[in-house]
Each structure stands twice: as structure tokens, then as C-alpha cells.
Amino acid sequence: MPLYEYGCMGCGHVSEVLVQPGQPPPEAVACRACGSEETVRLVSRVNFRMYRKPKYSEAFLDKALPFLKAQKETAPYFAEGPKASDEAKAFEISERIGERIDRMLDRHFRQMQR
């Protein structure tokens, strides 16, 4: 069954709603925190875990890792020592960047709704 998320314009709480297969999702639902009817359907974030090491091409590694190691924002992270492989560190940096993008989009979405 599809799971949809709705954000409350009043309190900011996110409510989840299960919808029966074949049924259209509701336009809005009552907020489970404050009861407000002023909710909007959100674009859900995709969350998954990789259970095996991703395979990057040699060309990508040859360009991305030296670039990340040379940037003043990321170089200290690579210099910390062997807590993780350079590839794992690059993956973690990309996750952090994704989280920042998510926050920026969320902030922009909320400003548009005002």
C-alpha cells in the first residue's frame, strides 16, 4: 500500500497516510498533531541502504577523489586517518550534500506556501 506524507501549514508536523491500492491519494488530511485541515501533500524522500560497495569507474575515482581531497572544506575529513576508505568518505560527503539540498528545498517550499 502506498504511504503518503502531508505537511501541516500550521504546526509543521508531518502526518503519514496509507492509501488502498487503486485509490487516489487525498488532496489534504487532518493534521495528527494539531487537527488543522490546512495540510499539503509532500514529496517523500527516498531512503535506501546499499548492502554492497558501489562500483565506480576508474575515471570517476581519478577525478572525484583528488578534487574532494583538495577542497578546503573536505580535505580535513580525508586527512583524519583510516577510519574509512576514501570511497566511503566520498559517499558520506555526498550524503551530507544531499541533506543540505533537502533542507534548502524544504525551506523554499515553506516560503512558497506563505
Protein backbone atom coordinates (compact mmCIF):
# COMPACT_ATOMS: atom_id res chain seq x y z
CA MET A 1 0.00 0.00 0.00
CA PRO A 2 1.31 3.45 -0.85
CA LEU A 3 2.30 5.68 2.05
CA TYR A 4 1.83 9.43 1.56
CA GLU A 5 3.13 12.28 3.72
CA TYR A 6 1.26 15.52 4.43
CA GLY A 7 2.79 18.63 5.99
CA CYS A 8 0.76 20.88 8.24
CA MET A 9 0.91 24.55 7.34
CA GLY A 10 0.07 25.49 10.93
CA CYS A 11 2.43 23.48 13.11
CA GLY A 12 4.80 21.90 10.56
CA HIS A 13 4.06 18.33 11.69
CA VAL A 14 4.28 15.62 9.02
CA SER A 15 1.45 13.06 9.01
CA GLU A 16 1.59 9.77 7.12
CA VAL A 17 -1.43 8.18 5.43
CA LEU A 18 -1.75 4.68 3.97
CA VAL A 19 -3.90 4.57 0.84
CA GLN A 20 -5.56 1.44 -0.52
CA PRO A 21 -4.19 0.28 -3.87
CA GLY A 22 -6.16 1.76 -6.75
CA GLN A 23 -7.49 4.64 -4.63
CA PRO A 24 -6.29 8.20 -5.33
CA PRO A 25 -4.42 9.94 -2.52
CA PRO A 26 -6.43 12.59 -0.67
CA GLU A 27 -5.71 16.24 -1.50
CA ALA A 28 -5.32 17.04 2.20
CA VAL A 29 -5.78 15.30 5.56
CA ALA A 30 -6.28 16.48 9.12
CA CYS A 31 -3.00 17.06 10.95
CA ARG A 32 -2.46 14.37 13.56
CA ALA A 33 -0.70 16.84 15.87
CA CYS A 34 -2.98 19.90 15.88
CA GLY A 35 -6.06 18.79 13.90
CA SER A 36 -5.71 21.52 11.28
CA GLU A 37 -7.17 20.82 7.85
CA GLU A 38 -4.52 23.01 6.18
CA THR A 39 -2.13 20.31 5.04
CA VAL A 40 -0.37 19.69 1.74
CA ARG A 41 0.96 16.50 0.25
CA LEU A 42 4.76 16.35 0.42
CA VAL A 43 7.27 14.79 -1.90
CA SER A 44 8.65 11.91 0.13
CA ARG A 45 12.37 11.41 0.41
CA VAL A 46 13.79 8.19 -0.89
CA ASN A 47 15.72 6.19 1.67
CA PHE A 48 17.69 3.07 0.92
CA ARG A 49 20.82 1.30 2.04
CA MET A 50 23.41 -0.19 -0.23
CA TYR A 51 24.43 -3.61 1.00
CA ARG A 52 27.43 -3.88 -1.25
CA LYS A 53 30.12 -1.46 -2.22
CA PRO A 54 29.10 0.64 -5.23
CA LYS A 55 31.28 0.19 -8.28
CA TYR A 56 32.69 3.45 -9.55
CA SER A 57 34.61 3.72 -12.77
CA GLU A 58 38.32 4.40 -12.60
CA ALA A 59 37.74 7.66 -14.48
CA PHE A 60 35.29 8.85 -11.82
CA LEU A 61 37.63 7.98 -8.95
CA ASP A 62 40.58 9.55 -10.75
CA LYS A 63 38.67 12.86 -10.93
CA ALA A 64 36.40 12.96 -7.86
CA LEU A 65 38.70 11.84 -5.06
CA PRO A 66 41.61 14.19 -5.82
CA PHE A 67 39.12 17.03 -6.24
CA LEU A 68 37.47 16.33 -2.87
CA LYS A 69 40.83 15.90 -1.15
CA ALA A 70 41.97 19.29 -2.49
CA GLN A 71 38.93 21.30 -1.37
CA LYS A 72 39.44 23.26 1.86
CA GLU A 73 36.03 22.14 3.16
CA THR A 74 36.63 18.41 2.61
CA ALA A 75 40.42 17.97 2.81
CA PRO A 76 40.50 17.73 6.64
CA TYR A 77 37.97 14.91 6.51
CA PHE A 78 40.19 12.85 4.20
CA ALA A 79 43.26 13.64 6.32
CA GLU A 80 41.68 12.27 9.54
CA GLY A 81 43.16 8.84 9.02
CA PRO A 82 41.99 5.37 8.07
CA LYS A 83 38.62 5.29 9.87
CA ALA A 84 37.07 4.53 6.48
CA SER A 85 38.19 4.17 2.89
CA ASP A 86 38.44 7.24 0.70
CA GLU A 87 35.48 5.92 -1.31
CA ALA A 88 33.36 5.63 1.85
CA LYS A 89 34.34 9.15 2.86
CA ALA A 90 33.33 10.46 -0.57
CA PHE A 91 29.96 8.68 -0.22
CA GLU A 92 29.43 10.25 3.23
CA ILE A 93 30.23 13.71 1.85
CA SER A 94 27.68 13.22 -0.93
CA GLU A 95 25.06 12.21 1.68
CA ARG A 96 25.75 15.40 3.64
CA ILE A 97 25.38 17.47 0.49
CA GLY A 98 22.05 15.71 -0.21
CA GLU A 99 20.79 16.53 3.28
CA ARG A 100 21.68 20.21 2.77
CA ILE A 101 19.80 20.21 -0.53
CA ASP A 102 16.77 18.60 1.16
CA ARG A 103 16.76 21.31 3.86
CA MET A 104 17.08 24.06 1.25
CA LEU A 105 14.18 22.64 -0.78
CA ASP A 106 12.06 22.26 2.34
CA ARG A 107 12.75 25.87 3.36
CA HIS A 108 11.91 27.07 -0.17
CA PHE A 109 8.68 25.02 -0.18
CA ARG A 110 7.58 26.53 3.14
CA GLN A 111 8.29 30.08 1.89
CA MET A 112 6.23 29.47 -1.23
CA GLN A 113 3.27 28.37 0.89
CA ARG A 114 3.18 31.62 2.85
